[in-house]
Amino acid sequence: MSGHITKTIDGKDWNFRLTTSEMVALERSLRQNPMEILSQMQSGKLPMVTHLCEILFHSLRASHPTLSREKTYKLYDKMITDGWDIFKTTDLIIDIFKDGGLIPEDEEGEDTETDEDEEVKNA
C-alpha cells in the first residue's frame, strides 16, 4: 500500500485507501471476492453501481471513519455532477485496488516482462 489516492470532488479532497480490514468488510458486503468484479471490469463488463458505491464506501472509511453509505451515495452523485462517468469511476476503482495491493502497479491485464524472461531470451 502506498498511502492513499486523493481526488477533489465538489471542491473537497477525498482520500481513498483500501485497508486490509476494509477489504475484508468489502468482501463480506459484496458476498464475493472484489477481484471477481475487477476481472469483469478488465474484460469490458461495466460494474453495477452498487458495487462501485460499496468499493468507494470502504476505500473512504480509513480517512473518513464517520462516513455513511448514504453520504457515499451523495458523494457519487457529486462525482457525476463534476463530470465523472462510469469509465472514470472504474479507473479510480482500479487505482484503489492497485494502491491496496490487490493488483501489481504495472498490471492491468497486460503481459509484463520480468528479468527472468529477459534472461531466457538471451540464453
N, C-alpha and C. Protein backbone atom coordinates (compact mmCIF):
# COMPACT_ATOMS: atom_id res chain seq x y z
N MET A 1 0.84 -1.18 0.00
CA MET A 1 0.00 0.00 0.00
C MET A 1 0.88 1.23 0.00
N SER A 2 0.58 2.14 -0.88
CA SER A 2 1.42 3.32 -1.00
C SER A 2 0.92 4.49 -0.17
N GLY A 3 -0.22 4.40 0.44
CA GLY A 3 -0.74 5.52 1.22
C GLY A 3 -2.20 5.70 0.94
N HIS A 4 -2.49 6.60 0.03
CA HIS A 4 -3.86 6.81 -0.38
C HIS A 4 -3.90 7.56 -1.70
N ILE A 5 -5.06 7.60 -2.28
CA ILE A 5 -5.30 8.32 -3.53
C ILE A 5 -6.21 9.49 -3.17
N THR A 6 -5.81 10.69 -3.54
CA THR A 6 -6.61 11.87 -3.25
C THR A 6 -7.28 12.37 -4.52
N LYS A 7 -8.58 12.59 -4.44
CA LYS A 7 -9.36 13.17 -5.54
C LYS A 7 -10.17 14.32 -4.98
N THR A 8 -10.24 15.41 -5.74
CA THR A 8 -11.06 16.55 -5.35
C THR A 8 -12.42 16.40 -6.01
N ILE A 9 -13.44 16.36 -5.17
CA ILE A 9 -14.81 16.20 -5.63
C ILE A 9 -15.65 17.28 -4.96
N ASP A 10 -16.34 18.05 -5.78
CA ASP A 10 -17.18 19.14 -5.27
C ASP A 10 -16.37 20.09 -4.39
N GLY A 11 -15.11 20.35 -4.77
CA GLY A 11 -14.27 21.29 -4.05
C GLY A 11 -13.64 20.77 -2.78
N LYS A 12 -13.82 19.46 -2.47
CA LYS A 12 -13.25 18.89 -1.24
C LYS A 12 -12.35 17.72 -1.62
N ASP A 13 -11.21 17.61 -0.90
CA ASP A 13 -10.31 16.48 -1.12
C ASP A 13 -10.81 15.26 -0.37
N TRP A 14 -10.86 14.14 -1.09
CA TRP A 14 -11.27 12.85 -0.53
C TRP A 14 -10.10 11.87 -0.68
N ASN A 15 -9.78 11.18 0.40
CA ASN A 15 -8.68 10.22 0.41
C ASN A 15 -9.22 8.80 0.35
N PHE A 16 -8.81 8.09 -0.68
CA PHE A 16 -9.25 6.71 -0.90
C PHE A 16 -8.10 5.77 -0.55
N ARG A 17 -8.38 4.78 0.30
CA ARG A 17 -7.38 3.77 0.66
C ARG A 17 -8.11 2.53 1.14
N LEU A 18 -7.84 1.43 0.52
CA LEU A 18 -8.49 0.18 0.87
C LEU A 18 -7.58 -0.62 1.79
N THR A 19 -7.81 -0.49 3.10
CA THR A 19 -7.01 -1.21 4.09
C THR A 19 -7.44 -2.67 4.13
N THR A 20 -6.65 -3.49 4.79
CA THR A 20 -6.97 -4.92 4.88
C THR A 20 -8.31 -5.13 5.57
N SER A 21 -8.56 -4.44 6.66
CA SER A 21 -9.83 -4.62 7.37
C SER A 21 -11.01 -4.19 6.49
N GLU A 22 -10.81 -3.14 5.72
CA GLU A 22 -11.88 -2.70 4.82
C GLU A 22 -12.04 -3.63 3.62
N MET A 23 -10.93 -4.27 3.19
CA MET A 23 -11.04 -5.28 2.12
C MET A 23 -11.91 -6.44 2.58
N VAL A 24 -11.68 -6.87 3.82
CA VAL A 24 -12.47 -7.97 4.38
C VAL A 24 -13.94 -7.55 4.49
N ALA A 25 -14.17 -6.35 4.98
CA ALA A 25 -15.54 -5.85 5.09
C ALA A 25 -16.20 -5.71 3.71
N LEU A 26 -15.43 -5.27 2.73
CA LEU A 26 -15.94 -5.14 1.36
C LEU A 26 -16.33 -6.51 0.81
N GLU A 27 -15.47 -7.48 1.01
CA GLU A 27 -15.77 -8.83 0.54
C GLU A 27 -17.05 -9.37 1.17
N ARG A 28 -17.21 -9.10 2.45
CA ARG A 28 -18.44 -9.54 3.14
C ARG A 28 -19.67 -8.83 2.58
N SER A 29 -19.57 -7.54 2.37
CA SER A 29 -20.75 -6.79 1.89
C SER A 29 -21.10 -7.14 0.44
N LEU A 30 -20.08 -7.43 -0.37
CA LEU A 30 -20.33 -7.81 -1.76
C LEU A 30 -20.75 -9.27 -1.89
N ARG A 31 -20.39 -10.06 -0.87
CA ARG A 31 -20.60 -11.51 -0.89
C ARG A 31 -19.88 -12.18 -2.06
N GLN A 32 -18.76 -11.57 -2.42
CA GLN A 32 -17.89 -12.15 -3.44
C GLN A 32 -16.53 -11.48 -3.35
N ASN A 33 -15.56 -12.11 -3.97
CA ASN A 33 -14.20 -11.59 -3.99
C ASN A 33 -14.17 -10.32 -4.86
N PRO A 34 -13.66 -9.20 -4.32
CA PRO A 34 -13.58 -7.97 -5.13
C PRO A 34 -12.78 -8.16 -6.42
N MET A 35 -11.87 -9.13 -6.43
CA MET A 35 -11.10 -9.39 -7.64
C MET A 35 -11.98 -9.91 -8.78
N GLU A 36 -13.09 -10.57 -8.44
CA GLU A 36 -14.02 -11.02 -9.47
C GLU A 36 -14.64 -9.81 -10.18
N ILE A 37 -14.95 -8.79 -9.42
CA ILE A 37 -15.51 -7.56 -10.00
C ILE A 37 -14.45 -6.88 -10.86
N LEU A 38 -13.22 -6.83 -10.35
CA LEU A 38 -12.12 -6.24 -11.12
C LEU A 38 -11.92 -7.00 -12.43
N SER A 39 -11.92 -8.30 -12.37
CA SER A 39 -11.75 -9.12 -13.57
C SER A 39 -12.83 -8.84 -14.60
N GLN A 40 -14.05 -8.70 -14.14
CA GLN A 40 -15.15 -8.38 -15.04
C GLN A 40 -14.95 -7.01 -15.68
N MET A 41 -14.50 -6.03 -14.87
CA MET A 41 -14.27 -4.69 -15.40
C MET A 41 -13.17 -4.71 -16.45
N GLN A 42 -12.11 -5.47 -16.19
CA GLN A 42 -10.99 -5.53 -17.13
C GLN A 42 -11.37 -6.25 -18.42
N SER A 43 -12.39 -7.09 -18.36
CA SER A 43 -12.83 -7.79 -19.58
C SER A 43 -13.91 -7.00 -20.31
N GLY A 44 -14.19 -5.78 -19.85
CA GLY A 44 -15.11 -4.89 -20.57
C GLY A 44 -16.52 -4.84 -20.03
N LYS A 45 -16.82 -5.62 -18.99
CA LYS A 45 -18.16 -5.59 -18.40
C LYS A 45 -18.26 -4.42 -17.43
N LEU A 46 -19.29 -3.63 -17.57
CA LEU A 46 -19.47 -2.49 -16.67
C LEU A 46 -19.94 -2.98 -15.30
N PRO A 47 -19.38 -2.42 -14.25
CA PRO A 47 -19.77 -2.85 -12.90
C PRO A 47 -21.13 -2.27 -12.51
N MET A 48 -21.76 -2.94 -11.56
CA MET A 48 -23.01 -2.42 -11.01
C MET A 48 -22.70 -1.19 -10.16
N VAL A 49 -23.60 -0.23 -10.16
CA VAL A 49 -23.41 0.97 -9.33
C VAL A 49 -23.33 0.58 -7.86
N THR A 50 -24.07 -0.44 -7.47
CA THR A 50 -23.99 -0.94 -6.09
C THR A 50 -22.56 -1.32 -5.74
N HIS A 51 -21.89 -2.03 -6.65
CA HIS A 51 -20.51 -2.44 -6.40
C HIS A 51 -19.58 -1.24 -6.35
N LEU A 52 -19.75 -0.30 -7.28
CA LEU A 52 -18.92 0.91 -7.28
C LEU A 52 -19.05 1.65 -5.95
N CYS A 53 -20.28 1.85 -5.52
CA CYS A 53 -20.51 2.60 -4.28
C CYS A 53 -19.96 1.86 -3.06
N GLU A 54 -20.07 0.53 -3.03
CA GLU A 54 -19.51 -0.23 -1.91
C GLU A 54 -17.98 -0.11 -1.87
N ILE A 55 -17.36 -0.18 -3.03
CA ILE A 55 -15.90 -0.04 -3.08
C ILE A 55 -15.49 1.37 -2.65
N LEU A 56 -16.20 2.38 -3.13
CA LEU A 56 -15.91 3.75 -2.71
C LEU A 56 -16.09 3.90 -1.21
N PHE A 57 -17.20 3.39 -0.70
CA PHE A 57 -17.51 3.49 0.74
C PHE A 57 -16.37 2.90 1.57
N HIS A 58 -15.97 1.67 1.26
CA HIS A 58 -14.95 1.01 2.07
C HIS A 58 -13.57 1.63 1.88
N SER A 59 -13.30 2.17 0.71
CA SER A 59 -11.99 2.79 0.50
C SER A 59 -11.89 4.18 1.13
N LEU A 60 -13.01 4.77 1.46
CA LEU A 60 -13.01 6.09 2.10
C LEU A 60 -12.97 6.01 3.63
N ARG A 61 -13.34 4.87 4.18
CA ARG A 61 -13.50 4.77 5.63
C ARG A 61 -12.21 4.94 6.42
N ALA A 62 -11.05 4.62 5.84
CA ALA A 62 -9.78 4.80 6.57
C ALA A 62 -9.55 6.27 6.90
N SER A 63 -9.89 7.15 5.96
CA SER A 63 -9.67 8.59 6.17
C SER A 63 -10.92 9.32 6.64
N HIS A 64 -12.06 8.70 6.43
CA HIS A 64 -13.34 9.34 6.78
C HIS A 64 -14.20 8.33 7.55
N PRO A 65 -13.81 8.00 8.79
CA PRO A 65 -14.45 6.89 9.52
C PRO A 65 -15.92 7.11 9.86
N THR A 66 -16.39 8.34 9.85
CA THR A 66 -17.81 8.57 10.16
C THR A 66 -18.69 8.59 8.91
N LEU A 67 -18.09 8.35 7.77
CA LEU A 67 -18.83 8.35 6.51
C LEU A 67 -19.86 7.22 6.49
N SER A 68 -21.08 7.54 6.08
CA SER A 68 -22.13 6.53 5.96
C SER A 68 -22.31 6.14 4.49
N ARG A 69 -23.02 5.06 4.27
CA ARG A 69 -23.32 4.67 2.89
C ARG A 69 -24.14 5.75 2.20
N GLU A 70 -25.09 6.32 2.93
CA GLU A 70 -25.93 7.37 2.34
C GLU A 70 -25.08 8.56 1.89
N LYS A 71 -24.09 8.94 2.70
CA LYS A 71 -23.18 10.04 2.31
C LYS A 71 -22.32 9.62 1.12
N THR A 72 -21.97 8.35 1.05
CA THR A 72 -21.21 7.85 -0.10
C THR A 72 -22.05 7.97 -1.37
N TYR A 73 -23.33 7.65 -1.28
CA TYR A 73 -24.21 7.80 -2.45
C TYR A 73 -24.29 9.26 -2.89
N LYS A 74 -24.37 10.16 -1.92
CA LYS A 74 -24.40 11.59 -2.25
C LYS A 74 -23.08 12.03 -2.87
N LEU A 75 -21.98 11.48 -2.37
CA LEU A 75 -20.67 11.79 -2.95
C LEU A 75 -20.62 11.31 -4.40
N TYR A 76 -21.13 10.12 -4.65
CA TYR A 76 -21.14 9.60 -6.03
C TYR A 76 -22.00 10.51 -6.92
N ASP A 77 -23.12 11.01 -6.40
CA ASP A 77 -23.93 11.96 -7.16
C ASP A 77 -23.12 13.22 -7.49
N LYS A 78 -22.32 13.69 -6.53
CA LYS A 78 -21.47 14.86 -6.76
C LYS A 78 -20.40 14.56 -7.81
N MET A 79 -19.88 13.32 -7.79
CA MET A 79 -18.90 12.93 -8.79
C MET A 79 -19.53 13.04 -10.19
N ILE A 80 -20.74 12.55 -10.33
CA ILE A 80 -21.45 12.63 -11.61
C ILE A 80 -21.64 14.09 -12.01
N THR A 81 -22.05 14.92 -11.05
CA THR A 81 -22.24 16.36 -11.31
C THR A 81 -20.92 17.01 -11.74
N ASP A 82 -19.81 16.54 -11.16
CA ASP A 82 -18.48 17.08 -11.50
C ASP A 82 -17.94 16.54 -12.83
N GLY A 83 -18.74 15.73 -13.52
CA GLY A 83 -18.32 15.25 -14.84
C GLY A 83 -17.76 13.85 -14.88
N TRP A 84 -17.78 13.15 -13.76
CA TRP A 84 -17.31 11.76 -13.74
C TRP A 84 -18.32 10.90 -14.50
N ASP A 85 -17.81 9.89 -15.17
CA ASP A 85 -18.68 8.89 -15.79
C ASP A 85 -18.27 7.52 -15.28
N ILE A 86 -18.93 6.49 -15.76
CA ILE A 86 -18.65 5.13 -15.30
C ILE A 86 -17.20 4.73 -15.59
N PHE A 87 -16.64 5.21 -16.69
CA PHE A 87 -15.28 4.84 -17.06
C PHE A 87 -14.25 5.51 -16.15
N LYS A 88 -14.44 6.77 -15.84
CA LYS A 88 -13.53 7.47 -14.94
C LYS A 88 -13.61 6.86 -13.53
N THR A 89 -14.82 6.50 -13.12
CA THR A 89 -15.00 5.88 -11.81
C THR A 89 -14.34 4.50 -11.78
N THR A 90 -14.47 3.75 -12.86
CA THR A 90 -13.84 2.44 -12.96
C THR A 90 -12.31 2.58 -12.89
N ASP A 91 -11.75 3.60 -13.54
CA ASP A 91 -10.31 3.85 -13.46
C ASP A 91 -9.88 4.12 -12.01
N LEU A 92 -10.70 4.88 -11.28
CA LEU A 92 -10.41 5.14 -9.87
C LEU A 92 -10.43 3.85 -9.07
N ILE A 93 -11.42 3.00 -9.33
CA ILE A 93 -11.52 1.72 -8.62
C ILE A 93 -10.27 0.87 -8.87
N ILE A 94 -9.83 0.82 -10.12
CA ILE A 94 -8.61 0.07 -10.45
C ILE A 94 -7.41 0.64 -9.69
N ASP A 95 -7.31 1.98 -9.64
CA ASP A 95 -6.22 2.61 -8.88
C ASP A 95 -6.31 2.28 -7.39
N ILE A 96 -7.53 2.23 -6.85
CA ILE A 96 -7.72 1.88 -5.44
C ILE A 96 -7.25 0.44 -5.20
N PHE A 97 -7.59 -0.46 -6.11
CA PHE A 97 -7.15 -1.85 -5.98
C PHE A 97 -5.63 -1.97 -6.09
N LYS A 98 -5.03 -1.19 -6.98
CA LYS A 98 -3.56 -1.18 -7.08
C LYS A 98 -2.95 -0.68 -5.77
N ASP A 99 -3.46 0.43 -5.26
CA ASP A 99 -2.93 1.01 -4.03
C ASP A 99 -3.09 0.06 -2.86
N GLY A 100 -4.18 -0.71 -2.87
CA GLY A 100 -4.43 -1.67 -1.81
C GLY A 100 -3.66 -2.96 -1.94
N GLY A 101 -2.89 -3.09 -3.01
CA GLY A 101 -2.07 -4.27 -3.20
C GLY A 101 -2.81 -5.45 -3.82
N LEU A 102 -4.02 -5.23 -4.30
CA LEU A 102 -4.77 -6.33 -4.91
C LEU A 102 -4.26 -6.68 -6.30
N ILE A 103 -3.69 -5.71 -6.99
CA ILE A 103 -3.07 -5.97 -8.29
C ILE A 103 -1.76 -5.18 -8.34
N PRO A 104 -0.78 -5.72 -9.04
CA PRO A 104 0.50 -5.01 -9.15
C PRO A 104 0.34 -3.66 -9.85
N GLU A 105 1.19 -2.71 -9.50
CA GLU A 105 1.13 -1.37 -10.08
C GLU A 105 1.18 -1.36 -11.60
N ASP A 106 1.96 -2.27 -12.21
CA ASP A 106 2.14 -2.23 -13.65
C ASP A 106 1.25 -3.23 -14.39
N GLU A 107 0.27 -3.79 -13.71
CA GLU A 107 -0.55 -4.81 -14.34
C GLU A 107 -2.01 -4.39 -14.41
N GLU A 108 -2.55 -4.46 -15.60
CA GLU A 108 -3.98 -4.27 -15.83
C GLU A 108 -4.39 -5.23 -16.92
N GLY A 109 -4.00 -6.49 -16.75
CA GLY A 109 -4.28 -7.47 -17.78
C GLY A 109 -3.22 -7.47 -18.86
N GLU A 110 -2.13 -6.71 -18.66
CA GLU A 110 -1.05 -6.63 -19.64
C GLU A 110 -0.06 -7.75 -19.39
N ASP A 111 0.63 -8.16 -20.44
CA ASP A 111 1.69 -9.14 -20.30
C ASP A 111 2.97 -8.38 -20.02
N THR A 112 3.47 -8.48 -18.78
CA THR A 112 4.68 -7.76 -18.42
C THR A 112 5.86 -8.70 -18.44
N GLU A 113 7.00 -8.18 -18.81
CA GLU A 113 8.22 -8.98 -18.94
C GLU A 113 9.05 -8.84 -17.67
N THR A 114 9.55 -9.96 -17.15
CA THR A 114 10.38 -9.93 -15.96
C THR A 114 11.84 -10.08 -16.34
N ASP A 115 12.74 -9.90 -15.36
CA ASP A 115 14.17 -10.11 -15.60
C ASP A 115 14.43 -11.55 -16.02
N GLU A 116 13.69 -12.49 -15.41
CA GLU A 116 13.86 -13.90 -15.77
C GLU A 116 13.48 -14.13 -17.23
N ASP A 117 12.42 -13.47 -17.71
CA ASP A 117 12.02 -13.59 -19.10
C ASP A 117 13.14 -13.10 -20.01
N GLU A 118 13.78 -12.01 -19.64
CA GLU A 118 14.86 -11.45 -20.43
C GLU A 118 16.06 -12.41 -20.45
N GLU A 119 16.34 -13.04 -19.30
CA GLU A 119 17.44 -14.00 -19.23
C GLU A 119 17.18 -15.20 -20.14
N VAL A 120 15.94 -15.66 -20.19
CA VAL A 120 15.58 -16.78 -21.05
C VAL A 120 15.76 -16.40 -22.51
N LYS A 121 15.36 -15.19 -22.87
CA LYS A 121 15.52 -14.72 -24.25
C LYS A 121 16.99 -14.67 -24.65
N ASN A 122 17.83 -14.23 -23.74
CA ASN A 122 19.25 -14.03 -24.04
C ASN A 122 20.08 -15.31 -23.91
N ALA A 123 19.50 -16.39 -23.43
CA ALA A 123 20.24 -17.64 -23.24
C ALA A 123 20.49 -18.37 -24.53
